[in-house]
């Protein structure tokens, strides 16, 4: 299945995920009006999400995302996890 979800972060930033999933998250693309340091960390964040079970909790997914060596500017790991889980549900 494929789904897309967006979350508007309180300071006005937008985080959007496009997810392909069945029993696990097969593919994810992260877009939005936020910044990452380093910019190439987007692929690391996507890799942290891919392979996770489709029924993962927001808290568990946020922990996986937070473990990536990236500075998320304009959003938190929990915002990205929330958007991903909402897309799957």
N, C-alpha and C. Protein backbone atom coordinates (compact mmCIF):
# COMPACT_ATOMS: atom_id res chain seq x y z
N UNK A 1 0.83 -1.17 0.00
CA UNK A 1 0.00 0.00 0.00
C UNK A 1 0.88 1.24 0.00
N UNK A 2 0.31 2.33 -0.48
CA UNK A 2 1.02 3.60 -0.47
C UNK A 2 0.14 4.65 0.19
N UNK A 3 0.77 5.57 0.91
CA UNK A 3 0.03 6.64 1.56
C UNK A 3 0.95 7.84 1.76
N UNK A 4 0.33 8.99 1.88
CA UNK A 4 1.06 10.23 2.13
C UNK A 4 0.39 10.95 3.29
N UNK A 5 1.20 11.57 4.13
CA UNK A 5 0.67 12.33 5.26
C UNK A 5 1.57 13.53 5.51
N UNK A 6 0.95 14.61 5.96
CA UNK A 6 1.68 15.83 6.31
C UNK A 6 1.36 16.22 7.74
N UNK A 7 2.36 16.79 8.40
CA UNK A 7 2.18 17.32 9.75
C UNK A 7 2.71 18.75 9.74
N UNK A 8 1.90 19.68 10.20
CA UNK A 8 2.33 21.08 10.34
C UNK A 8 2.83 21.26 11.77
N UNK A 9 4.11 21.55 11.89
CA UNK A 9 4.74 21.72 13.19
C UNK A 9 4.35 23.09 13.76
N UNK A 10 4.20 23.22 15.08
CA UNK A 10 3.71 24.46 15.68
C UNK A 10 4.38 25.75 15.20
N UNK A 11 5.67 25.74 14.89
CA UNK A 11 6.31 26.98 14.43
C UNK A 11 6.09 27.23 12.94
N UNK A 12 5.26 26.41 12.30
CA UNK A 12 4.90 26.65 10.91
C UNK A 12 5.58 25.76 9.90
N UNK A 13 6.50 24.89 10.30
CA UNK A 13 7.18 24.01 9.36
C UNK A 13 6.26 22.86 8.96
N UNK A 14 6.47 22.35 7.76
CA UNK A 14 5.67 21.26 7.23
C UNK A 14 6.57 20.05 7.00
N UNK A 15 6.14 18.90 7.48
CA UNK A 15 6.84 17.64 7.26
C UNK A 15 5.88 16.72 6.53
N UNK A 16 6.30 16.21 5.37
CA UNK A 16 5.45 15.33 4.57
C UNK A 16 6.21 14.02 4.31
N UNK A 17 5.50 12.92 4.45
CA UNK A 17 6.09 11.61 4.14
C UNK A 17 5.19 10.87 3.16
N UNK A 18 5.84 10.19 2.24
CA UNK A 18 5.17 9.27 1.33
C UNK A 18 5.71 7.89 1.68
N UNK A 19 4.81 6.98 2.02
CA UNK A 19 5.20 5.68 2.55
C UNK A 19 4.63 4.55 1.69
N UNK A 20 5.46 3.56 1.41
CA UNK A 20 5.01 2.31 0.80
C UNK A 20 5.21 1.24 1.87
N UNK A 21 4.15 0.46 2.15
CA UNK A 21 4.24 -0.50 3.24
C UNK A 21 3.30 -1.68 3.00
N UNK A 22 3.63 -2.76 3.66
CA UNK A 22 2.76 -3.93 3.81
C UNK A 22 2.88 -4.34 5.27
N UNK A 23 3.61 -5.41 5.56
CA UNK A 23 3.88 -5.81 6.94
C UNK A 23 4.93 -4.91 7.57
N UNK A 24 5.81 -4.37 6.73
CA UNK A 24 6.84 -3.45 7.20
C UNK A 24 6.88 -2.24 6.25
N UNK A 25 7.59 -1.22 6.67
CA UNK A 25 7.74 -0.02 5.86
C UNK A 25 8.80 -0.32 4.81
N UNK A 26 8.38 -0.35 3.55
CA UNK A 26 9.28 -0.73 2.47
C UNK A 26 10.04 0.46 1.90
N UNK A 27 9.38 1.61 1.81
CA UNK A 27 10.00 2.79 1.22
C UNK A 27 9.37 4.03 1.84
N UNK A 28 10.18 5.05 2.05
CA UNK A 28 9.66 6.32 2.56
C UNK A 28 10.43 7.46 1.90
N UNK A 29 9.71 8.52 1.59
CA UNK A 29 10.31 9.74 1.07
C UNK A 29 9.86 10.88 1.97
N UNK A 30 10.83 11.65 2.44
CA UNK A 30 10.57 12.76 3.35
C UNK A 30 10.75 14.07 2.59
N UNK A 31 9.75 14.93 2.66
CA UNK A 31 9.84 16.25 2.06
C UNK A 31 9.22 17.26 3.02
N UNK A 32 9.37 18.53 2.71
CA UNK A 32 8.78 19.58 3.53
C UNK A 32 9.59 20.84 3.50
N UNK A 33 9.22 21.80 4.32
CA UNK A 33 9.92 23.09 4.34
C UNK A 33 10.80 23.23 5.58
N UNK A 34 11.58 22.23 5.86
CA UNK A 34 12.48 22.18 7.00
C UNK A 34 13.92 22.06 6.49
N UNK A 35 14.86 22.09 7.42
CA UNK A 35 16.27 21.96 7.08
C UNK A 35 16.88 20.81 7.87
N UNK A 36 17.92 20.22 7.30
CA UNK A 36 18.69 19.17 7.97
C UNK A 36 20.16 19.54 7.92
N UNK A 37 20.87 19.18 8.97
CA UNK A 37 22.32 19.32 8.97
C UNK A 37 22.90 17.97 9.31
N UNK A 38 23.70 17.37 8.49
CA UNK A 38 24.01 17.79 7.14
C UNK A 38 22.83 17.52 6.21
N UNK A 39 22.76 18.25 5.09
CA UNK A 39 21.61 18.10 4.17
C UNK A 39 21.42 16.67 3.66
N UNK A 40 22.50 15.92 3.52
CA UNK A 40 22.40 14.55 3.01
C UNK A 40 21.86 13.57 4.06
N UNK A 41 21.57 14.05 5.26
CA UNK A 41 21.02 13.20 6.32
C UNK A 41 19.61 12.71 6.01
N UNK A 42 18.95 13.31 5.03
CA UNK A 42 17.61 12.87 4.66
C UNK A 42 17.60 11.37 4.33
N UNK A 43 18.59 10.91 3.59
CA UNK A 43 18.64 9.48 3.23
C UNK A 43 18.86 8.62 4.47
N UNK A 44 19.61 9.12 5.45
CA UNK A 44 19.81 8.38 6.70
C UNK A 44 18.51 8.28 7.50
N UNK A 45 17.74 9.36 7.53
CA UNK A 45 16.44 9.35 8.22
C UNK A 45 15.50 8.36 7.53
N UNK A 46 15.47 8.39 6.20
CA UNK A 46 14.61 7.47 5.47
C UNK A 46 15.02 6.03 5.73
N UNK A 47 16.33 5.78 5.77
CA UNK A 47 16.83 4.42 6.03
C UNK A 47 16.46 3.95 7.44
N UNK A 48 16.40 4.87 8.41
CA UNK A 48 16.03 4.50 9.78
C UNK A 48 14.57 4.08 9.86
N UNK A 49 13.74 4.63 8.98
CA UNK A 49 12.31 4.31 8.98
C UNK A 49 12.04 3.03 8.18
N UNK A 50 12.72 2.88 7.05
CA UNK A 50 12.50 1.72 6.20
C UNK A 50 12.89 0.44 6.93
N UNK A 51 12.08 -0.58 6.78
CA UNK A 51 12.33 -1.86 7.43
C UNK A 51 11.64 -1.99 8.78
N UNK A 52 11.13 -0.89 9.31
CA UNK A 52 10.41 -0.96 10.59
C UNK A 52 9.04 -1.62 10.36
N UNK A 53 8.50 -2.30 11.37
CA UNK A 53 7.18 -2.91 11.22
C UNK A 53 6.11 -1.84 11.00
N UNK A 54 5.11 -2.17 10.21
CA UNK A 54 4.03 -1.22 9.89
C UNK A 54 3.21 -0.86 11.13
N UNK A 55 3.24 -1.68 12.16
CA UNK A 55 2.46 -1.39 13.37
C UNK A 55 3.31 -0.76 14.48
N UNK A 56 4.45 -0.18 14.12
CA UNK A 56 5.33 0.44 15.11
C UNK A 56 4.64 1.63 15.76
N UNK A 57 4.95 1.87 17.02
CA UNK A 57 4.36 3.00 17.73
C UNK A 57 5.10 4.29 17.37
N UNK A 58 4.45 5.41 17.59
CA UNK A 58 5.08 6.71 17.34
C UNK A 58 6.34 6.85 18.20
N UNK A 59 6.26 6.45 19.46
CA UNK A 59 7.40 6.59 20.37
C UNK A 59 8.59 5.74 19.91
N UNK A 60 8.33 4.51 19.52
CA UNK A 60 9.42 3.64 19.06
C UNK A 60 10.04 4.15 17.77
N UNK A 61 9.21 4.62 16.85
CA UNK A 61 9.74 5.15 15.59
C UNK A 61 10.50 6.44 15.84
N UNK A 62 10.02 7.29 16.74
CA UNK A 62 10.73 8.52 17.08
C UNK A 62 12.11 8.21 17.64
N UNK A 63 12.22 7.16 18.44
CA UNK A 63 13.52 6.77 19.00
C UNK A 63 14.48 6.33 17.90
N UNK A 64 13.98 5.58 16.92
CA UNK A 64 14.81 5.16 15.79
C UNK A 64 15.29 6.37 14.99
N UNK A 65 14.40 7.32 14.76
CA UNK A 65 14.73 8.52 14.00
C UNK A 65 15.73 9.37 14.77
N UNK A 66 15.52 9.52 16.08
CA UNK A 66 16.40 10.34 16.91
C UNK A 66 17.81 9.77 16.98
N UNK A 67 17.97 8.49 16.75
CA UNK A 67 19.28 7.85 16.80
C UNK A 67 20.15 8.21 15.59
N UNK A 68 19.55 8.77 14.56
CA UNK A 68 20.30 9.17 13.36
C UNK A 68 21.11 10.43 13.69
N UNK A 69 22.34 10.46 13.21
CA UNK A 69 23.22 11.61 13.44
C UNK A 69 22.84 12.73 12.48
N UNK A 70 21.80 13.46 12.85
CA UNK A 70 21.30 14.57 12.03
C UNK A 70 20.68 15.61 12.93
N UNK A 71 20.86 16.87 12.56
CA UNK A 71 20.19 17.95 13.27
C UNK A 71 18.96 18.33 12.46
N UNK A 72 17.79 18.11 13.03
CA UNK A 72 16.53 18.45 12.38
C UNK A 72 16.17 19.88 12.77
N UNK A 73 16.09 20.74 11.77
CA UNK A 73 15.81 22.16 12.03
C UNK A 73 14.40 22.46 11.56
N UNK A 74 13.53 22.80 12.50
CA UNK A 74 12.15 23.11 12.16
C UNK A 74 11.18 21.99 12.47
N UNK A 75 11.69 20.85 12.94
CA UNK A 75 10.83 19.74 13.35
C UNK A 75 11.61 18.84 14.28
N UNK A 76 10.91 17.95 14.95
CA UNK A 76 11.50 16.99 15.87
C UNK A 76 11.33 15.58 15.31
N UNK A 77 12.08 14.65 15.85
CA UNK A 77 11.94 13.24 15.44
C UNK A 77 10.50 12.77 15.64
N UNK A 78 9.86 13.25 16.70
CA UNK A 78 8.48 12.83 16.98
C UNK A 78 7.51 13.34 15.90
N UNK A 79 7.79 14.50 15.30
CA UNK A 79 6.93 15.02 14.23
C UNK A 79 7.00 14.11 13.00
N UNK A 80 8.22 13.70 12.66
CA UNK A 80 8.41 12.81 11.52
C UNK A 80 7.78 11.44 11.80
N UNK A 81 7.95 10.95 13.01
CA UNK A 81 7.35 9.67 13.39
C UNK A 81 5.83 9.75 13.34
N UNK A 82 5.27 10.85 13.83
CA UNK A 82 3.81 11.03 13.81
C UNK A 82 3.27 11.02 12.39
N UNK A 83 3.92 11.74 11.49
CA UNK A 83 3.47 11.78 10.10
C UNK A 83 3.54 10.40 9.47
N UNK A 84 4.60 9.66 9.76
CA UNK A 84 4.77 8.33 9.19
C UNK A 84 3.70 7.36 9.69
N UNK A 85 3.48 7.36 10.99
CA UNK A 85 2.48 6.45 11.58
C UNK A 85 1.07 6.81 11.10
N UNK A 86 0.76 8.10 11.01
CA UNK A 86 -0.55 8.52 10.51
C UNK A 86 -0.76 8.09 9.07
N UNK A 87 0.28 8.13 8.26
CA UNK A 87 0.17 7.68 6.86
C UNK A 87 -0.18 6.21 6.80
N UNK A 88 0.45 5.42 7.65
CA UNK A 88 0.22 3.97 7.66
C UNK A 88 -1.17 3.62 8.16
N UNK A 89 -1.65 4.36 9.14
CA UNK A 89 -2.95 4.04 9.73
C UNK A 89 -4.05 4.56 8.86
